[in-house]
């Protein structure tokens, strides 16, 4: 399964490890208090993505966390992540950690975790991902009135060229 993991956009650094993170007991979501308001959208994205995969996702505290659930920690650490909109996602047995430079990076990490969860069966693969965008503004302009419509094969070839 790990060899077949397809993540778009392709992360800059992906290190697979042995083992799986079993999430059958649910997920306890922990965020630093000072960043809760900044990461509200990220928390909602993580809840919806992981609830499809693991059932309920609860805000973690000593009173409400489930003893059999895994911990999902989301933190903003600008000093640790050098690039704007960058993030590091680490999945270990029993713990998922998403560390980002800013809320945009946390959102990108949440979307990567969502892709991993949708492709995984029987637990998430243990791994470490570091990623950040090349450009501040990204997109593809498609003006079919002036040019031919590109195929998906053409668009994927452009992505491969930019990755080199």
N, C-alpha and C. Protein backbone atom coordinates (compact mmCIF):
# COMPACT_ATOMS: atom_id res chain seq x y z
N UNK A 1 0.82 -1.20 0.00
CA UNK A 1 0.00 0.00 0.00
C UNK A 1 0.87 1.26 0.00
N UNK A 2 1.96 1.27 0.78
CA UNK A 2 2.77 2.47 0.89
C UNK A 2 3.37 2.88 -0.45
N UNK A 3 3.73 1.89 -1.29
CA UNK A 3 4.32 2.21 -2.59
C UNK A 3 3.29 2.85 -3.51
N UNK A 4 2.01 2.60 -3.27
CA UNK A 4 0.95 3.11 -4.13
C UNK A 4 0.38 4.44 -3.66
N UNK A 5 0.96 5.04 -2.66
CA UNK A 5 0.44 6.29 -2.12
C UNK A 5 0.62 7.41 -3.14
N UNK A 6 -0.48 8.01 -3.55
CA UNK A 6 -0.45 9.08 -4.55
C UNK A 6 -0.88 10.37 -3.88
N UNK A 7 0.03 11.34 -3.81
CA UNK A 7 -0.25 12.62 -3.18
C UNK A 7 -0.02 13.72 -4.20
N UNK A 8 -1.01 14.58 -4.34
CA UNK A 8 -0.93 15.70 -5.28
C UNK A 8 -1.19 17.00 -4.56
N UNK A 9 -0.33 17.98 -4.64
CA UNK A 9 0.94 17.91 -5.34
C UNK A 9 1.91 16.99 -4.61
N UNK A 10 2.87 16.47 -5.36
CA UNK A 10 3.85 15.56 -4.79
C UNK A 10 4.69 16.28 -3.74
N UNK A 11 4.78 15.72 -2.53
CA UNK A 11 5.58 16.39 -1.48
C UNK A 11 7.06 16.42 -1.83
N UNK A 12 7.74 17.44 -1.33
CA UNK A 12 9.18 17.56 -1.58
C UNK A 12 9.96 16.42 -0.92
N UNK A 13 9.60 16.09 0.31
CA UNK A 13 10.30 15.03 1.04
C UNK A 13 9.25 14.08 1.62
N UNK A 14 9.40 12.81 1.33
CA UNK A 14 8.50 11.78 1.85
C UNK A 14 9.35 10.61 2.29
N UNK A 15 9.32 10.30 3.57
CA UNK A 15 10.06 9.17 4.12
C UNK A 15 9.07 8.20 4.72
N UNK A 16 8.97 7.01 4.14
CA UNK A 16 8.08 5.99 4.68
C UNK A 16 8.81 5.23 5.78
N UNK A 17 8.06 4.81 6.78
CA UNK A 17 8.62 4.04 7.89
C UNK A 17 7.80 2.76 8.04
N UNK A 18 8.33 1.83 8.80
CA UNK A 18 7.59 0.59 9.04
C UNK A 18 6.49 0.86 10.06
N UNK A 19 5.43 0.11 9.93
CA UNK A 19 4.35 0.20 10.90
C UNK A 19 3.16 0.97 10.37
N UNK A 20 2.10 0.95 11.15
CA UNK A 20 0.87 1.62 10.79
C UNK A 20 0.31 2.31 12.03
N UNK A 21 -0.43 3.36 11.79
CA UNK A 21 -1.10 4.10 12.85
C UNK A 21 -2.56 3.67 12.83
N UNK A 22 -2.95 2.84 13.76
CA UNK A 22 -4.33 2.35 13.83
C UNK A 22 -5.20 3.41 14.49
N UNK A 23 -6.28 3.78 13.83
CA UNK A 23 -7.13 4.85 14.34
C UNK A 23 -8.53 4.36 14.68
N UNK A 24 -8.67 3.06 14.90
CA UNK A 24 -10.00 2.49 15.16
C UNK A 24 -10.62 3.05 16.44
N UNK A 25 -9.81 3.46 17.41
CA UNK A 25 -10.34 3.97 18.67
C UNK A 25 -10.73 5.43 18.61
N UNK A 26 -10.62 6.06 17.47
CA UNK A 26 -10.95 7.48 17.35
C UNK A 26 -9.71 8.35 17.39
N UNK A 27 -9.94 9.65 17.29
CA UNK A 27 -8.84 10.61 17.22
C UNK A 27 -9.09 11.72 18.23
N UNK A 28 -8.07 12.04 19.02
CA UNK A 28 -8.10 13.16 19.95
C UNK A 28 -7.32 14.30 19.32
N UNK A 29 -7.99 15.39 18.97
CA UNK A 29 -7.37 16.52 18.29
C UNK A 29 -6.87 17.52 19.31
N UNK A 30 -5.56 17.80 19.30
CA UNK A 30 -4.96 18.74 20.25
C UNK A 30 -4.32 19.89 19.49
N UNK A 31 -4.68 21.13 19.89
CA UNK A 31 -4.07 22.33 19.31
C UNK A 31 -3.63 23.23 20.43
N UNK A 32 -2.56 23.98 20.18
CA UNK A 32 -2.10 24.95 21.17
C UNK A 32 -3.19 26.01 21.36
N UNK A 33 -3.42 26.44 22.58
CA UNK A 33 -4.50 27.38 22.88
C UNK A 33 -4.37 28.68 22.10
N UNK A 34 -3.15 29.18 21.97
CA UNK A 34 -2.99 30.47 21.30
C UNK A 34 -3.28 30.39 19.81
N UNK A 35 -3.28 29.20 19.23
CA UNK A 35 -3.49 29.10 17.79
C UNK A 35 -4.87 28.55 17.41
N UNK A 36 -5.72 28.30 18.39
CA UNK A 36 -7.02 27.70 18.08
C UNK A 36 -7.83 28.55 17.10
N UNK A 37 -7.87 29.86 17.29
CA UNK A 37 -8.68 30.68 16.40
C UNK A 37 -8.10 30.71 14.99
N UNK A 38 -6.78 30.73 14.87
CA UNK A 38 -6.14 30.75 13.56
C UNK A 38 -6.35 29.43 12.81
N UNK A 39 -6.48 28.36 13.54
CA UNK A 39 -6.54 27.04 12.93
C UNK A 39 -7.94 26.44 12.92
N UNK A 40 -8.96 27.26 13.07
CA UNK A 40 -10.33 26.75 13.10
C UNK A 40 -10.70 26.01 11.83
N UNK A 41 -10.37 26.56 10.67
CA UNK A 41 -10.68 25.89 9.40
C UNK A 41 -9.91 24.59 9.27
N UNK A 42 -8.67 24.58 9.72
CA UNK A 42 -7.86 23.37 9.67
C UNK A 42 -8.48 22.28 10.53
N UNK A 43 -8.93 22.65 11.73
CA UNK A 43 -9.56 21.68 12.62
C UNK A 43 -10.82 21.09 11.98
N UNK A 44 -11.63 21.94 11.34
CA UNK A 44 -12.83 21.43 10.68
C UNK A 44 -12.47 20.49 9.53
N UNK A 45 -11.44 20.82 8.78
CA UNK A 45 -11.00 19.96 7.67
C UNK A 45 -10.51 18.62 8.19
N UNK A 46 -9.71 18.65 9.26
CA UNK A 46 -9.21 17.41 9.83
C UNK A 46 -10.34 16.55 10.40
N UNK A 47 -11.28 17.19 11.07
CA UNK A 47 -12.41 16.44 11.62
C UNK A 47 -13.19 15.74 10.50
N UNK A 48 -13.49 16.47 9.44
CA UNK A 48 -14.28 15.85 8.36
C UNK A 48 -13.49 14.75 7.65
N UNK A 49 -12.20 14.98 7.41
CA UNK A 49 -11.38 13.99 6.71
C UNK A 49 -11.22 12.72 7.53
N UNK A 50 -10.91 12.88 8.81
CA UNK A 50 -10.64 11.70 9.63
C UNK A 50 -11.91 11.04 10.14
N UNK A 51 -13.01 11.77 10.20
CA UNK A 51 -14.25 11.13 10.64
C UNK A 51 -14.72 10.12 9.61
N UNK A 52 -14.45 10.37 8.32
CA UNK A 52 -14.76 9.39 7.27
C UNK A 52 -13.95 8.11 7.49
N UNK A 53 -12.73 8.28 8.00
CA UNK A 53 -11.81 7.16 8.13
C UNK A 53 -11.88 6.50 9.51
N UNK A 54 -12.03 7.31 10.56
CA UNK A 54 -11.85 6.79 11.92
C UNK A 54 -13.03 7.02 12.85
N UNK A 55 -14.11 7.58 12.38
CA UNK A 55 -15.21 7.87 13.28
C UNK A 55 -15.05 9.26 13.87
N UNK A 56 -15.48 9.44 15.11
CA UNK A 56 -15.48 10.76 15.73
C UNK A 56 -14.07 11.28 15.99
N UNK A 57 -13.94 12.58 15.85
CA UNK A 57 -12.70 13.27 16.18
C UNK A 57 -13.04 14.27 17.28
N UNK A 58 -12.43 14.12 18.45
CA UNK A 58 -12.74 14.97 19.60
C UNK A 58 -11.59 15.92 19.88
N UNK A 59 -11.95 17.10 20.42
CA UNK A 59 -10.92 18.01 20.92
C UNK A 59 -10.31 17.36 22.15
N UNK A 60 -9.01 17.26 22.18
CA UNK A 60 -8.34 16.53 23.26
C UNK A 60 -8.16 17.41 24.49
N UNK A 61 -8.48 16.84 25.61
CA UNK A 61 -8.15 17.41 26.91
C UNK A 61 -8.04 16.24 27.87
N UNK A 62 -7.50 16.47 29.03
CA UNK A 62 -7.30 15.36 29.95
C UNK A 62 -8.62 14.73 30.37
N UNK A 63 -9.72 15.52 30.38
CA UNK A 63 -11.01 14.98 30.80
C UNK A 63 -11.74 14.24 29.68
N UNK A 64 -11.58 14.70 28.44
CA UNK A 64 -12.40 14.15 27.36
C UNK A 64 -11.67 13.22 26.41
N UNK A 65 -10.35 13.18 26.44
CA UNK A 65 -9.65 12.34 25.46
C UNK A 65 -9.92 10.87 25.73
N UNK A 66 -10.04 10.13 24.65
CA UNK A 66 -10.30 8.70 24.75
C UNK A 66 -8.99 7.96 24.96
N UNK A 67 -8.93 7.08 25.93
CA UNK A 67 -7.66 6.39 26.19
C UNK A 67 -7.24 5.49 25.04
N UNK A 68 -8.18 4.98 24.25
CA UNK A 68 -7.82 4.09 23.15
C UNK A 68 -7.62 4.83 21.83
N UNK A 69 -7.86 6.13 21.82
CA UNK A 69 -7.72 6.91 20.59
C UNK A 69 -6.30 7.39 20.38
N UNK A 70 -5.99 7.75 19.14
CA UNK A 70 -4.68 8.31 18.85
C UNK A 70 -4.73 9.82 19.05
N UNK A 71 -3.58 10.43 19.22
CA UNK A 71 -3.51 11.88 19.38
C UNK A 71 -3.08 12.52 18.07
N UNK A 72 -3.81 13.54 17.66
CA UNK A 72 -3.47 14.34 16.49
C UNK A 72 -3.12 15.73 16.99
N UNK A 73 -1.85 16.11 16.92
CA UNK A 73 -1.38 17.40 17.41
C UNK A 73 -1.12 18.33 16.24
N UNK A 74 -1.67 19.54 16.32
CA UNK A 74 -1.45 20.56 15.29
C UNK A 74 -0.84 21.77 15.97
N UNK A 75 0.35 22.19 15.47
CA UNK A 75 1.04 23.32 16.08
C UNK A 75 1.61 24.23 14.99
N UNK A 76 1.65 25.51 15.32
CA UNK A 76 2.35 26.48 14.46
C UNK A 76 3.71 26.74 15.08
N UNK A 77 4.77 26.46 14.32
CA UNK A 77 6.13 26.68 14.78
C UNK A 77 6.93 27.32 13.65
N UNK A 78 6.80 28.65 13.48
CA UNK A 78 7.51 29.33 12.38
C UNK A 78 9.02 29.16 12.42
N UNK A 79 9.60 29.04 13.59
CA UNK A 79 11.05 28.91 13.69
C UNK A 79 11.52 27.54 13.21
N UNK A 80 10.67 26.53 13.21
CA UNK A 80 11.06 25.18 12.82
C UNK A 80 10.84 24.91 11.32
N UNK A 81 9.87 25.59 10.73
CA UNK A 81 9.55 25.40 9.31
C UNK A 81 10.04 26.63 8.55
N UNK A 82 11.06 26.50 7.70
CA UNK A 82 11.70 27.68 7.11
C UNK A 82 10.94 28.35 5.96
N UNK A 83 10.00 27.67 5.32
CA UNK A 83 9.36 28.21 4.12
C UNK A 83 7.91 28.62 4.40
N UNK A 84 7.47 29.73 3.77
CA UNK A 84 6.08 30.16 3.88
C UNK A 84 5.16 29.05 3.38
N UNK A 85 4.06 28.86 4.05
CA UNK A 85 3.05 27.85 3.74
C UNK A 85 3.61 26.43 3.81
N UNK A 86 4.72 26.25 4.51
CA UNK A 86 5.33 24.93 4.65
C UNK A 86 4.78 24.18 5.84
N UNK A 87 4.97 22.87 5.82
CA UNK A 87 4.51 22.03 6.93
C UNK A 87 5.35 20.76 7.00
N UNK A 88 5.29 20.11 8.15
CA UNK A 88 5.85 18.78 8.35
C UNK A 88 4.74 17.92 8.93
N UNK A 89 4.50 16.78 8.33
CA UNK A 89 3.47 15.85 8.78
C UNK A 89 4.16 14.55 9.15
N UNK A 90 3.97 14.12 10.40
CA UNK A 90 4.58 12.88 10.87
C UNK A 90 3.50 11.98 11.40
N UNK A 91 3.49 10.73 10.93
CA UNK A 91 2.52 9.74 11.38
C UNK A 91 3.31 8.61 12.04
N UNK A 92 3.03 8.39 13.32
CA UNK A 92 3.65 7.33 14.10
C UNK A 92 2.54 6.41 14.59
N UNK A 93 2.87 5.22 15.07
CA UNK A 93 1.83 4.41 15.71
C UNK A 93 1.29 5.16 16.93
N UNK A 94 0.01 5.45 16.94
CA UNK A 94 -0.63 6.11 18.08
C UNK A 94 -0.58 7.63 18.08
N UNK A 95 0.08 8.26 17.08
CA UNK A 95 0.20 9.72 17.10
C UNK A 95 0.39 10.27 15.69
N UNK A 96 -0.27 11.39 15.42
CA UNK A 96 -0.09 12.13 14.18
C UNK A 96 0.27 13.56 14.58
N UNK A 97 1.32 14.10 13.98
CA UNK A 97 1.78 15.44 14.31
C UNK A 97 1.85 16.28 13.04
N UNK A 98 1.19 17.43 13.07
CA UNK A 98 1.22 18.37 11.95
C UNK A 98 1.79 19.68 12.47
N UNK A 99 2.98 20.03 11.98
CA UNK A 99 3.66 21.25 12.40
C UNK A 99 3.76 22.15 11.18
N UNK A 100 3.31 23.39 11.31
CA UNK A 100 3.29 24.29 10.16
C UNK A 100 3.89 25.64 10.52
N UNK A 101 4.32 26.36 9.50
CA UNK A 101 4.84 27.71 9.69
C UNK A 101 3.72 28.70 9.93
N UNK A 102 2.59 28.51 9.24
CA UNK A 102 1.47 29.44 9.33
C UNK A 102 0.17 28.67 9.08
N UNK A 103 -0.99 29.30 9.26
CA UNK A 103 -2.25 28.59 9.05
C UNK A 103 -2.40 28.02 7.64
N UNK A 104 -1.87 28.70 6.62
CA UNK A 104 -1.95 28.17 5.25
C UNK A 104 -1.17 26.86 5.14
N UNK A 105 -0.01 26.78 5.79
CA UNK A 105 0.77 25.55 5.78
C UNK A 105 0.05 24.43 6.52
N UNK A 106 -0.61 24.77 7.63
CA UNK A 106 -1.39 23.77 8.36
C UNK A 106 -2.53 23.24 7.50
N UNK A 107 -3.16 24.12 6.74
CA UNK A 107 -4.24 23.69 5.85
C UNK A 107 -3.69 22.75 4.78
N UNK A 108 -2.53 23.07 4.21
CA UNK A 108 -1.93 22.19 3.21
C UNK A 108 -1.60 20.83 3.80
N UNK A 109 -1.09 20.82 5.02
CA UNK A 109 -0.80 19.55 5.69
C UNK A 109 -2.07 18.75 5.96
N UNK A 110 -3.14 19.45 6.33
CA UNK A 110 -4.42 18.78 6.57
C UNK A 110 -4.95 18.13 5.29
N UNK A 111 -4.78 18.82 4.16
CA UNK A 111 -5.23 18.27 2.88
C UNK A 111 -4.40 17.05 2.50
N UNK A 112 -3.11 17.06 2.81
CA UNK A 112 -2.26 15.90 2.55
C UNK A 112 -2.70 14.72 3.41
N UNK A 113 -2.98 14.98 4.69
CA UNK A 113 -3.46 13.92 5.58
C UNK A 113 -4.79 13.37 5.09
N UNK A 114 -5.65 14.22 4.57
CA UNK A 114 -6.93 13.79 4.02
C UNK A 114 -6.71 12.83 2.85
N UNK A 115 -5.75 13.16 1.97
CA UNK A 115 -5.46 12.27 0.85
C UNK A 115 -4.93 10.92 1.33
N UNK A 116 -4.08 10.94 2.35
CA UNK A 116 -3.53 9.69 2.89
C UNK A 116 -4.64 8.84 3.49
N UNK A 117 -5.54 9.48 4.25
CA UNK A 117 -6.63 8.74 4.88
C UNK A 117 -7.56 8.11 3.85
N UNK A 118 -7.83 8.82 2.78
CA UNK A 118 -8.73 8.29 1.75
C UNK A 118 -8.12 7.10 1.00
N UNK A 119 -6.81 7.01 0.98
CA UNK A 119 -6.15 5.92 0.26
C UNK A 119 -5.77 4.75 1.17
N UNK A 120 -6.00 4.89 2.47
CA UNK A 120 -5.52 3.89 3.41
C UNK A 120 -6.66 2.99 3.88
N UNK A 121 -6.31 1.74 4.07
CA UNK A 121 -7.23 0.79 4.70
C UNK A 121 -6.47 0.09 5.81
N UNK A 122 -7.12 -0.10 6.92
CA UNK A 122 -6.47 -0.79 8.04
C UNK A 122 -5.40 0.03 8.73
N UNK A 123 -5.55 1.31 8.78
CA UNK A 123 -4.60 2.17 9.45
C UNK A 123 -3.80 3.02 8.48
N UNK A 124 -3.26 4.11 9.00
CA UNK A 124 -2.46 5.02 8.18
C UNK A 124 -1.01 4.55 8.15
N UNK A 125 -0.32 4.69 7.02
CA UNK A 125 1.08 4.30 6.97
C UNK A 125 1.93 5.28 7.79
N UNK A 126 2.92 4.76 8.48
CA UNK A 126 3.84 5.62 9.22
C UNK A 126 4.78 6.29 8.22
N UNK A 127 4.92 7.61 8.38
CA UNK A 127 5.74 8.37 7.43
C UNK A 127 6.07 9.73 7.98
N UNK A 128 6.94 10.43 7.25
CA UNK A 128 7.26 11.83 7.53
C UNK A 128 7.26 12.56 6.20
N UNK A 129 6.54 13.68 6.15
CA UNK A 129 6.46 14.50 4.95
C UNK A 129 6.87 15.91 5.30
N UNK A 130 7.70 16.51 4.46
CA UNK A 130 8.00 17.94 4.54
C UNK A 130 7.67 18.53 3.18
N UNK A 131 6.91 19.62 3.18
CA UNK A 131 6.51 20.20 1.91
C UNK A 131 6.27 21.69 2.05
N UNK A 132 6.43 22.38 0.93
CA UNK A 132 6.13 23.81 0.83
C UNK A 132 5.97 24.12 -0.65
N UNK A 133 5.22 25.15 -0.98
CA UNK A 133 5.01 25.47 -2.39
C UNK A 133 6.21 26.20 -3.00
N UNK A 134 6.36 26.05 -4.31
CA UNK A 134 7.42 26.75 -5.04
C UNK A 134 7.11 28.23 -5.19
N UNK A 135 5.84 28.54 -5.44
CA UNK A 135 5.44 29.90 -5.78
C UNK A 135 4.35 30.38 -4.83
N UNK A 136 4.32 31.68 -4.60
CA UNK A 136 3.28 32.24 -3.74
C UNK A 136 1.91 32.15 -4.41
N UNK A 137 1.86 32.29 -5.71
CA UNK A 137 0.59 32.20 -6.45
C UNK A 137 0.74 31.11 -7.50
N UNK A 138 -0.19 30.16 -7.46
CA UNK A 138 -0.13 29.04 -8.39
C UNK A 138 -1.45 28.94 -9.13
N UNK A 139 -1.40 28.39 -10.34
CA UNK A 139 -2.62 28.19 -11.08
C UNK A 139 -2.34 27.87 -12.53
N UNK A 140 -3.37 27.54 -13.23
CA UNK A 140 -3.30 27.27 -14.65
C UNK A 140 -4.38 28.11 -15.31
N UNK A 141 -3.97 28.90 -16.30
CA UNK A 141 -4.95 29.68 -17.03
C UNK A 141 -5.36 28.88 -18.26
N UNK A 142 -6.64 28.73 -18.44
CA UNK A 142 -7.16 27.97 -19.56
C UNK A 142 -8.11 28.86 -20.34
N UNK A 143 -7.66 29.28 -21.51
CA UNK A 143 -8.49 30.13 -22.37
C UNK A 143 -8.76 29.34 -23.64
N UNK A 144 -9.85 28.59 -23.67
CA UNK A 144 -10.11 27.71 -24.80
C UNK A 144 -10.51 28.47 -26.06
N UNK A 145 -10.82 29.76 -25.93
CA UNK A 145 -11.16 30.51 -27.13
C UNK A 145 -9.92 30.88 -27.93
N UNK A 146 -8.74 30.81 -27.32
CA UNK A 146 -7.51 31.20 -28.01
C UNK A 146 -6.57 30.04 -28.26
N UNK A 147 -6.84 28.91 -27.67
CA UNK A 147 -5.90 27.81 -27.80
C UNK A 147 -6.65 26.50 -27.64
N UNK A 148 -5.98 25.40 -27.90
CA UNK A 148 -6.62 24.10 -27.72
C UNK A 148 -6.74 23.78 -26.24
N UNK A 149 -7.65 22.91 -25.92
CA UNK A 149 -7.86 22.48 -24.54
C UNK A 149 -6.83 21.42 -24.21
N UNK A 150 -6.01 21.64 -23.15
CA UNK A 150 -4.99 20.63 -22.82
C UNK A 150 -5.64 19.38 -22.23
N UNK A 151 -5.02 18.25 -22.52
CA UNK A 151 -5.48 17.00 -21.94
C UNK A 151 -4.87 16.86 -20.54
N UNK A 152 -5.37 15.92 -19.77
CA UNK A 152 -4.80 15.67 -18.44
C UNK A 152 -3.35 15.21 -18.59
N UNK A 153 -3.06 14.46 -19.65
CA UNK A 153 -1.70 14.00 -19.87
C UNK A 153 -0.74 15.19 -20.05
N UNK A 154 -1.20 16.21 -20.78
CA UNK A 154 -0.39 17.42 -20.97
C UNK A 154 -0.17 18.14 -19.65
N UNK A 155 -1.22 18.26 -18.83
CA UNK A 155 -1.10 18.94 -17.54
C UNK A 155 -0.16 18.18 -16.61
N UNK A 156 -0.24 16.84 -16.60
CA UNK A 156 0.67 16.05 -15.76
C UNK A 156 2.12 16.19 -16.24
N UNK A 157 2.31 16.29 -17.54
CA UNK A 157 3.67 16.49 -18.07
C UNK A 157 4.23 17.83 -17.61
N UNK A 158 3.38 18.87 -17.56
CA UNK A 158 3.83 20.16 -17.05
C UNK A 158 4.23 20.07 -15.58
N UNK A 159 3.46 19.33 -14.81
CA UNK A 159 3.79 19.15 -13.39
C UNK A 159 5.14 18.46 -13.25
N UNK A 160 5.37 17.43 -14.07
CA UNK A 160 6.65 16.71 -14.01
C UNK A 160 7.81 17.62 -14.38
N UNK A 161 7.61 18.48 -15.36
CA UNK A 161 8.67 19.42 -15.76
C UNK A 161 9.00 20.40 -14.64
N UNK A 162 7.97 20.87 -13.93
CA UNK A 162 8.20 21.81 -12.84
C UNK A 162 8.87 21.15 -11.65
N UNK A 163 8.68 19.84 -11.48
CA UNK A 163 9.26 19.13 -10.34
C UNK A 163 10.75 18.89 -10.53
N UNK A 164 11.22 18.94 -11.77
CA UNK A 164 12.65 18.66 -12.02
C UNK A 164 13.55 19.79 -11.63
